Amino acid sequence: MKLFIDLPFETTLLVRDTCLCLHTQRAARALARRFDIALRPVGITSGQFSLLMSLNRPQPPNLGSVASLLAMDRTTLTANLKPLERRGLVETEADPKDRRTRLLRLTPAGRAALLEATPIWKQTHADIEAHLPDPGRLRAELGILSTA
């Protein structure tokens, strides 16, 4: 017979009140929800906005560099690209220098979606930053966590 020892409820409270992972996840979900609502008229989510923006470069980036920038594994990035490709916002092509490498490119429709979404993002972002005591410090500290 196996004896089970319950985890004390105090530990649950400790995690609830102090866990950086939990607090970061909650904040990220709340921020994403706010941007999702704001970007709804454009027909994209906050994650799709970030992905489309990551492709707004003079030269088409490869899949690996975009995955790295967005801190995603390649499989997740590929899954997130599919709906954008179906909607004609993004296209992929083989790199002429290395046919094994896929390049990602915004289509004219993808550029138009970004043009429409950017003022919405700017206003939403400004509204959120107005409620923060030191947004630059928060960005710096999140940067530390993302590179640790």
N, C-alpha and C. Protein backbone atom coordinates (compact mmCIF):
# COMPACT_ATOMS: atom_id res chain seq x y z
N MET A 1 0.84 -1.17 0.00
CA MET A 1 0.00 0.00 0.00
C MET A 1 0.89 1.24 0.00
N LYS A 2 0.58 2.16 -0.94
CA LYS A 2 1.36 3.39 -1.06
C LYS A 2 0.76 4.46 -0.18
N LEU A 3 1.59 5.13 0.55
CA LEU A 3 1.14 6.19 1.44
C LEU A 3 1.31 7.53 0.73
N PHE A 4 0.25 8.30 0.63
CA PHE A 4 0.31 9.61 -0.02
C PHE A 4 0.35 10.69 1.04
N ILE A 5 1.21 11.63 0.83
CA ILE A 5 1.29 12.77 1.72
C ILE A 5 0.81 13.98 0.91
N ASP A 6 -0.17 14.67 1.43
CA ASP A 6 -0.68 15.83 0.73
C ASP A 6 0.31 16.98 0.79
N LEU A 7 0.33 17.71 -0.28
CA LEU A 7 1.12 18.93 -0.32
C LEU A 7 0.37 19.98 0.49
N PRO A 8 1.04 20.66 1.39
CA PRO A 8 0.33 21.64 2.21
C PRO A 8 -0.25 22.78 1.36
N PHE A 9 -1.42 23.23 1.74
CA PHE A 9 -2.08 24.33 1.04
C PHE A 9 -1.22 25.58 1.07
N GLU A 10 -0.41 25.74 2.09
CA GLU A 10 0.49 26.89 2.18
C GLU A 10 1.43 26.93 0.98
N THR A 11 1.83 25.76 0.48
CA THR A 11 2.70 25.71 -0.70
C THR A 11 1.96 26.23 -1.93
N THR A 12 0.69 25.89 -2.04
CA THR A 12 -0.13 26.40 -3.13
C THR A 12 -0.18 27.92 -3.08
N LEU A 13 -0.38 28.45 -1.89
CA LEU A 13 -0.43 29.91 -1.73
C LEU A 13 0.92 30.55 -2.05
N LEU A 14 2.00 29.89 -1.64
CA LEU A 14 3.34 30.39 -1.94
C LEU A 14 3.55 30.49 -3.45
N VAL A 15 3.20 29.43 -4.17
CA VAL A 15 3.35 29.43 -5.62
C VAL A 15 2.46 30.51 -6.23
N ARG A 16 1.20 30.57 -5.80
CA ARG A 16 0.27 31.57 -6.32
C ARG A 16 0.81 32.99 -6.15
N ASP A 17 1.42 33.26 -5.04
CA ASP A 17 1.84 34.62 -4.71
C ASP A 17 3.24 34.98 -5.20
N THR A 18 4.10 33.99 -5.45
CA THR A 18 5.50 34.31 -5.74
C THR A 18 6.04 33.77 -7.06
N CYS A 19 5.37 32.83 -7.68
CA CYS A 19 5.92 32.15 -8.87
C CYS A 19 6.04 33.11 -10.06
N LEU A 20 7.27 33.38 -10.46
CA LEU A 20 7.50 34.26 -11.60
C LEU A 20 6.90 33.68 -12.88
N CYS A 21 6.98 32.39 -13.05
CA CYS A 21 6.42 31.75 -14.24
C CYS A 21 4.91 31.97 -14.31
N LEU A 22 4.23 31.71 -13.21
CA LEU A 22 2.78 31.90 -13.16
C LEU A 22 2.40 33.36 -13.43
N HIS A 23 3.09 34.29 -12.78
CA HIS A 23 2.76 35.70 -12.95
C HIS A 23 3.05 36.17 -14.38
N THR A 24 4.13 35.67 -14.97
CA THR A 24 4.45 36.03 -16.35
C THR A 24 3.43 35.46 -17.31
N GLN A 25 3.02 34.21 -17.10
CA GLN A 25 2.01 33.59 -17.96
C GLN A 25 0.69 34.34 -17.88
N ARG A 26 0.28 34.70 -16.66
CA ARG A 26 -0.98 35.43 -16.49
C ARG A 26 -0.92 36.78 -17.19
N ALA A 27 0.19 37.49 -17.03
CA ALA A 27 0.34 38.80 -17.67
C ALA A 27 0.37 38.65 -19.19
N ALA A 28 1.07 37.63 -19.68
CA ALA A 28 1.15 37.41 -21.13
C ALA A 28 -0.23 37.11 -21.70
N ARG A 29 -1.01 36.29 -21.01
CA ARG A 29 -2.36 35.98 -21.50
C ARG A 29 -3.24 37.22 -21.50
N ALA A 30 -3.14 38.02 -20.45
CA ALA A 30 -3.96 39.24 -20.37
C ALA A 30 -3.57 40.23 -21.47
N LEU A 31 -2.27 40.39 -21.71
CA LEU A 31 -1.82 41.28 -22.77
C LEU A 31 -2.25 40.76 -24.14
N ALA A 32 -2.06 39.48 -24.37
CA ALA A 32 -2.45 38.90 -25.66
C ALA A 32 -3.94 39.07 -25.90
N ARG A 33 -4.75 38.86 -24.86
CA ARG A 33 -6.20 39.03 -24.99
C ARG A 33 -6.54 40.47 -25.39
N ARG A 34 -5.87 41.42 -24.74
CA ARG A 34 -6.14 42.83 -25.04
C ARG A 34 -5.78 43.17 -26.48
N PHE A 35 -4.62 42.70 -26.94
CA PHE A 35 -4.22 42.95 -28.33
C PHE A 35 -5.10 42.17 -29.30
N ASP A 36 -5.48 40.94 -28.94
CA ASP A 36 -6.37 40.16 -29.81
C ASP A 36 -7.67 40.91 -30.06
N ILE A 37 -8.24 41.48 -29.01
CA ILE A 37 -9.49 42.23 -29.13
C ILE A 37 -9.27 43.45 -30.02
N ALA A 38 -8.19 44.16 -29.79
CA ALA A 38 -7.91 45.37 -30.56
C ALA A 38 -7.68 45.06 -32.04
N LEU A 39 -7.02 43.94 -32.33
CA LEU A 39 -6.67 43.60 -33.72
C LEU A 39 -7.77 42.83 -34.44
N ARG A 40 -8.83 42.49 -33.74
CA ARG A 40 -9.92 41.72 -34.34
C ARG A 40 -10.45 42.35 -35.64
N PRO A 41 -10.61 43.68 -35.73
CA PRO A 41 -11.11 44.26 -36.98
C PRO A 41 -10.22 43.98 -38.20
N VAL A 42 -8.94 43.72 -37.97
CA VAL A 42 -8.02 43.41 -39.05
C VAL A 42 -8.09 41.91 -39.39
N GLY A 43 -8.63 41.13 -38.48
CA GLY A 43 -8.75 39.69 -38.71
C GLY A 43 -7.51 38.91 -38.36
N ILE A 44 -6.67 39.48 -37.48
CA ILE A 44 -5.48 38.76 -37.03
C ILE A 44 -5.41 38.80 -35.51
N THR A 45 -4.65 37.86 -34.97
CA THR A 45 -4.42 37.81 -33.52
C THR A 45 -3.11 38.54 -33.19
N SER A 46 -2.87 38.72 -31.91
CA SER A 46 -1.61 39.34 -31.48
C SER A 46 -0.41 38.50 -31.92
N GLY A 47 -0.53 37.19 -31.81
CA GLY A 47 0.56 36.32 -32.24
C GLY A 47 0.80 36.41 -33.74
N GLN A 48 -0.28 36.51 -34.52
CA GLN A 48 -0.13 36.66 -35.97
C GLN A 48 0.48 38.01 -36.32
N PHE A 49 0.11 39.05 -35.56
CA PHE A 49 0.71 40.36 -35.78
C PHE A 49 2.23 40.28 -35.57
N SER A 50 2.65 39.67 -34.47
CA SER A 50 4.09 39.54 -34.19
C SER A 50 4.78 38.75 -35.29
N LEU A 51 4.16 37.70 -35.74
CA LEU A 51 4.75 36.88 -36.80
C LEU A 51 4.84 37.67 -38.10
N LEU A 52 3.77 38.33 -38.48
CA LEU A 52 3.80 39.14 -39.71
C LEU A 52 4.86 40.24 -39.60
N MET A 53 4.92 40.90 -38.44
CA MET A 53 5.90 41.97 -38.25
C MET A 53 7.32 41.43 -38.35
N SER A 54 7.54 40.20 -37.88
CA SER A 54 8.89 39.62 -37.94
C SER A 54 9.32 39.35 -39.38
N LEU A 55 8.37 39.33 -40.29
CA LEU A 55 8.69 39.10 -41.71
C LEU A 55 8.87 40.41 -42.48
N ASN A 56 8.59 41.52 -41.85
CA ASN A 56 8.69 42.83 -42.50
C ASN A 56 10.15 43.26 -42.52
N ARG A 57 10.89 42.70 -43.45
CA ARG A 57 12.33 42.96 -43.57
C ARG A 57 12.66 43.22 -45.04
N PRO A 58 13.80 43.88 -45.28
CA PRO A 58 14.19 44.12 -46.69
C PRO A 58 14.40 42.83 -47.48
N GLN A 59 14.95 41.80 -46.81
CA GLN A 59 15.16 40.50 -47.45
C GLN A 59 14.37 39.45 -46.71
N PRO A 60 13.77 38.50 -47.42
CA PRO A 60 12.98 37.47 -46.73
C PRO A 60 13.85 36.66 -45.78
N PRO A 61 13.40 36.53 -44.54
CA PRO A 61 14.17 35.74 -43.57
C PRO A 61 13.92 34.25 -43.76
N ASN A 62 14.82 33.44 -43.21
CA ASN A 62 14.58 32.00 -43.24
C ASN A 62 13.79 31.59 -42.00
N LEU A 63 13.24 30.41 -42.07
CA LEU A 63 12.40 29.88 -41.00
C LEU A 63 13.14 29.87 -39.66
N GLY A 64 14.39 29.47 -39.66
CA GLY A 64 15.15 29.37 -38.42
C GLY A 64 15.34 30.72 -37.74
N SER A 65 15.62 31.76 -38.52
CA SER A 65 15.85 33.07 -37.90
C SER A 65 14.56 33.64 -37.32
N VAL A 66 13.43 33.39 -37.97
CA VAL A 66 12.15 33.85 -37.44
C VAL A 66 11.78 33.07 -36.18
N ALA A 67 12.00 31.77 -36.21
CA ALA A 67 11.73 30.94 -35.02
C ALA A 67 12.56 31.44 -33.83
N SER A 68 13.81 31.77 -34.08
CA SER A 68 14.68 32.26 -33.02
C SER A 68 14.19 33.61 -32.48
N LEU A 69 13.85 34.52 -33.37
CA LEU A 69 13.37 35.84 -32.95
C LEU A 69 12.11 35.73 -32.09
N LEU A 70 11.21 34.85 -32.47
CA LEU A 70 9.93 34.69 -31.76
C LEU A 70 10.01 33.69 -30.61
N ALA A 71 11.19 33.13 -30.38
CA ALA A 71 11.40 32.12 -29.32
C ALA A 71 10.42 30.96 -29.47
N MET A 72 10.30 30.46 -30.70
CA MET A 72 9.44 29.32 -31.02
C MET A 72 10.29 28.22 -31.61
N ASP A 73 9.84 27.00 -31.44
CA ASP A 73 10.52 25.94 -32.18
C ASP A 73 9.98 25.97 -33.61
N ARG A 74 10.72 25.36 -34.52
CA ARG A 74 10.38 25.42 -35.94
C ARG A 74 9.02 24.77 -36.24
N THR A 75 8.70 23.71 -35.52
CA THR A 75 7.42 23.03 -35.73
C THR A 75 6.25 23.94 -35.37
N THR A 76 6.36 24.64 -34.25
CA THR A 76 5.31 25.57 -33.84
C THR A 76 5.19 26.71 -34.82
N LEU A 77 6.33 27.25 -35.26
CA LEU A 77 6.30 28.33 -36.25
C LEU A 77 5.62 27.86 -37.53
N THR A 78 5.97 26.68 -38.00
CA THR A 78 5.35 26.15 -39.22
C THR A 78 3.84 26.04 -39.06
N ALA A 79 3.38 25.56 -37.91
CA ALA A 79 1.94 25.46 -37.65
C ALA A 79 1.29 26.84 -37.62
N ASN A 80 1.98 27.83 -37.07
CA ASN A 80 1.43 29.18 -37.02
C ASN A 80 1.43 29.87 -38.37
N LEU A 81 2.30 29.44 -39.26
CA LEU A 81 2.35 30.02 -40.61
C LEU A 81 1.21 29.53 -41.49
N LYS A 82 0.75 28.31 -41.28
CA LYS A 82 -0.25 27.70 -42.16
C LYS A 82 -1.50 28.56 -42.35
N PRO A 83 -2.16 29.05 -41.28
CA PRO A 83 -3.35 29.87 -41.53
C PRO A 83 -3.03 31.18 -42.26
N LEU A 84 -1.85 31.73 -42.03
CA LEU A 84 -1.47 32.96 -42.73
C LEU A 84 -1.19 32.68 -44.20
N GLU A 85 -0.63 31.52 -44.48
CA GLU A 85 -0.43 31.13 -45.89
C GLU A 85 -1.77 30.89 -46.58
N ARG A 86 -2.69 30.19 -45.89
CA ARG A 86 -4.02 29.92 -46.48
C ARG A 86 -4.76 31.22 -46.80
N ARG A 87 -4.57 32.23 -45.95
CA ARG A 87 -5.23 33.53 -46.18
C ARG A 87 -4.49 34.39 -47.19
N GLY A 88 -3.35 33.92 -47.66
CA GLY A 88 -2.59 34.66 -48.65
C GLY A 88 -1.80 35.83 -48.09
N LEU A 89 -1.48 35.79 -46.78
CA LEU A 89 -0.73 36.88 -46.16
C LEU A 89 0.78 36.62 -46.17
N VAL A 90 1.13 35.35 -46.27
CA VAL A 90 2.54 34.93 -46.22
C VAL A 90 2.74 33.86 -47.28
N GLU A 91 3.93 33.84 -47.86
CA GLU A 91 4.30 32.75 -48.76
C GLU A 91 5.69 32.26 -48.39
N THR A 92 5.91 30.99 -48.65
CA THR A 92 7.23 30.41 -48.40
C THR A 92 7.80 29.96 -49.73
N GLU A 93 9.12 30.01 -49.78
CA GLU A 93 9.81 29.59 -50.99
C GLU A 93 11.16 29.01 -50.60
N ALA A 94 11.70 28.20 -51.47
CA ALA A 94 13.03 27.64 -51.22
C ALA A 94 14.07 28.73 -51.45
N ASP A 95 15.09 28.73 -50.62
CA ASP A 95 16.20 29.68 -50.78
C ASP A 95 16.99 29.27 -52.02
N PRO A 96 17.16 30.18 -52.98
CA PRO A 96 17.90 29.81 -54.20
C PRO A 96 19.36 29.39 -53.91
N LYS A 97 19.91 29.87 -52.78
CA LYS A 97 21.30 29.52 -52.43
C LYS A 97 21.39 28.16 -51.74
N ASP A 98 20.30 27.75 -51.11
CA ASP A 98 20.27 26.46 -50.41
C ASP A 98 18.83 25.96 -50.42
N ARG A 99 18.50 25.07 -51.34
CA ARG A 99 17.13 24.61 -51.57
C ARG A 99 16.51 23.96 -50.34
N ARG A 100 17.33 23.55 -49.36
CA ARG A 100 16.80 22.94 -48.13
C ARG A 100 16.22 23.97 -47.17
N THR A 101 16.59 25.24 -47.36
CA THR A 101 16.17 26.32 -46.48
C THR A 101 14.93 27.01 -47.05
N ARG A 102 13.94 27.24 -46.16
CA ARG A 102 12.72 27.93 -46.58
C ARG A 102 12.81 29.40 -46.20
N LEU A 103 12.47 30.26 -47.15
CA LEU A 103 12.40 31.70 -46.91
C LEU A 103 10.93 32.09 -46.75
N LEU A 104 10.68 33.07 -45.91
CA LEU A 104 9.32 33.51 -45.62
C LEU A 104 9.16 34.94 -46.13
N ARG A 105 8.04 35.18 -46.81
CA ARG A 105 7.84 36.50 -47.41
C ARG A 105 6.40 36.96 -47.18
N LEU A 106 6.27 38.23 -46.83
CA LEU A 106 4.93 38.83 -46.78
C LEU A 106 4.43 39.01 -48.20
N THR A 107 3.16 38.72 -48.41
CA THR A 107 2.54 39.01 -49.69
C THR A 107 2.02 40.45 -49.65
N PRO A 108 1.56 40.98 -50.78
CA PRO A 108 0.94 42.32 -50.73
C PRO A 108 -0.23 42.36 -49.73
N ALA A 109 -1.01 41.29 -49.65
CA ALA A 109 -2.11 41.26 -48.68
C ALA A 109 -1.58 41.26 -47.25
N GLY A 110 -0.47 40.58 -47.02
CA GLY A 110 0.16 40.57 -45.69
C GLY A 110 0.67 41.95 -45.32
N ARG A 111 1.27 42.65 -46.29
CA ARG A 111 1.74 44.02 -46.04
C ARG A 111 0.56 44.95 -45.75
N ALA A 112 -0.52 44.75 -46.47
CA ALA A 112 -1.72 45.58 -46.23
C ALA A 112 -2.29 45.34 -44.84
N ALA A 113 -2.32 44.08 -44.42
CA ALA A 113 -2.82 43.76 -43.07
C ALA A 113 -1.94 44.42 -42.01
N LEU A 114 -0.62 44.38 -42.22
CA LEU A 114 0.28 45.03 -41.26
C LEU A 114 0.07 46.54 -41.23
N LEU A 115 -0.12 47.13 -42.41
CA LEU A 115 -0.36 48.58 -42.47
C LEU A 115 -1.62 48.96 -41.70
N GLU A 116 -2.65 48.15 -41.83
CA GLU A 116 -3.91 48.41 -41.12
C GLU A 116 -3.76 48.15 -39.62
N ALA A 117 -3.00 47.13 -39.26
CA ALA A 117 -2.88 46.74 -37.85
C ALA A 117 -1.94 47.63 -37.05
N THR A 118 -0.94 48.20 -37.68
CA THR A 118 0.09 48.93 -36.95
C THR A 118 -0.45 50.12 -36.15
N PRO A 119 -1.32 50.97 -36.70
CA PRO A 119 -1.84 52.06 -35.86
C PRO A 119 -2.66 51.54 -34.67
N ILE A 120 -3.35 50.43 -34.85
CA ILE A 120 -4.11 49.82 -33.75
C ILE A 120 -3.14 49.34 -32.68
N TRP A 121 -2.06 48.66 -33.12
CA TRP A 121 -1.04 48.19 -32.18
C TRP A 121 -0.43 49.37 -31.43
N LYS A 122 -0.07 50.44 -32.16
CA LYS A 122 0.56 51.61 -31.52
C LYS A 122 -0.34 52.20 -30.43
N GLN A 123 -1.62 52.35 -30.73
CA GLN A 123 -2.53 52.94 -29.75
C GLN A 123 -2.73 52.02 -28.55
N THR A 124 -2.92 50.75 -28.81
CA THR A 124 -3.10 49.78 -27.72
C THR A 124 -1.85 49.73 -26.86
N HIS A 125 -0.70 49.71 -27.51
CA HIS A 125 0.57 49.67 -26.80
C HIS A 125 0.75 50.91 -25.92
N ALA A 126 0.44 52.07 -26.47
CA ALA A 126 0.56 53.32 -25.70
C ALA A 126 -0.39 53.31 -24.49
N ASP A 127 -1.60 52.80 -24.69
CA ASP A 127 -2.56 52.72 -23.59
C ASP A 127 -2.04 51.82 -22.46
N ILE A 128 -1.44 50.71 -22.83
CA ILE A 128 -0.91 49.78 -21.82
C ILE A 128 0.29 50.40 -21.11
N GLU A 129 1.21 50.98 -21.89
CA GLU A 129 2.40 51.58 -21.28
C GLU A 129 2.04 52.71 -20.32
N ALA A 130 0.94 53.41 -20.59
CA ALA A 130 0.54 54.53 -19.73
C ALA A 130 0.21 54.05 -18.31
N HIS A 131 -0.11 52.76 -18.16
CA HIS A 131 -0.45 52.21 -16.85
C HIS A 131 0.76 51.61 -16.12
N LEU A 132 1.90 51.62 -16.77
CA LEU A 132 3.10 51.01 -16.18
C LEU A 132 4.02 52.09 -15.62
N PRO A 133 4.59 51.86 -14.44
CA PRO A 133 5.47 52.87 -13.87
C PRO A 133 6.77 53.05 -14.64
N ASP A 134 7.31 51.98 -15.23
CA ASP A 134 8.59 52.05 -15.94
C ASP A 134 8.64 50.97 -17.02
N PRO A 135 7.97 51.22 -18.16
CA PRO A 135 7.93 50.19 -19.21
C PRO A 135 9.31 49.80 -19.74
N GLY A 136 10.24 50.73 -19.78
CA GLY A 136 11.59 50.41 -20.25
C GLY A 136 12.27 49.41 -19.33
N ARG A 137 12.08 49.59 -18.05
CA ARG A 137 12.67 48.65 -17.08
C ARG A 137 12.04 47.27 -17.23
N LEU A 138 10.71 47.23 -17.40
CA LEU A 138 10.03 45.95 -17.58
C LEU A 138 10.57 45.24 -18.82
N ARG A 139 10.72 45.96 -19.94
CA ARG A 139 11.26 45.36 -21.17
C ARG A 139 12.67 44.81 -20.91
N ALA A 140 13.49 45.59 -20.21
CA ALA A 140 14.86 45.15 -19.93
C ALA A 140 14.87 43.90 -19.08
N GLU A 141 14.02 43.86 -18.05
CA GLU A 141 13.99 42.69 -17.17
C GLU A 141 13.43 41.47 -17.89
N LEU A 142 12.44 41.66 -18.75
CA LEU A 142 11.92 40.53 -19.53
C LEU A 142 13.00 40.05 -20.51
N GLY A 143 13.77 40.98 -21.04
CA GLY A 143 14.88 40.60 -21.93
C GLY A 143 15.91 39.73 -21.21
N ILE A 144 16.18 40.07 -19.97
CA ILE A 144 17.10 39.26 -19.17
C ILE A 144 16.56 37.85 -19.03
N LEU A 145 15.28 37.73 -18.73
CA LEU A 145 14.67 36.41 -18.56
C LEU A 145 14.67 35.62 -19.87
N SER A 146 14.46 36.31 -20.99
CA SER A 146 14.36 35.58 -22.27
C SER A 146 15.71 35.12 -22.79
N THR A 147 16.78 35.65 -22.24
CA THR A 147 18.10 35.20 -22.69
C THR A 147 18.81 34.33 -21.65
N ALA A 148 18.15 34.15 -20.50
CA ALA A 148 18.78 33.36 -19.43
C ALA A 148 18.73 31.88 -19.73
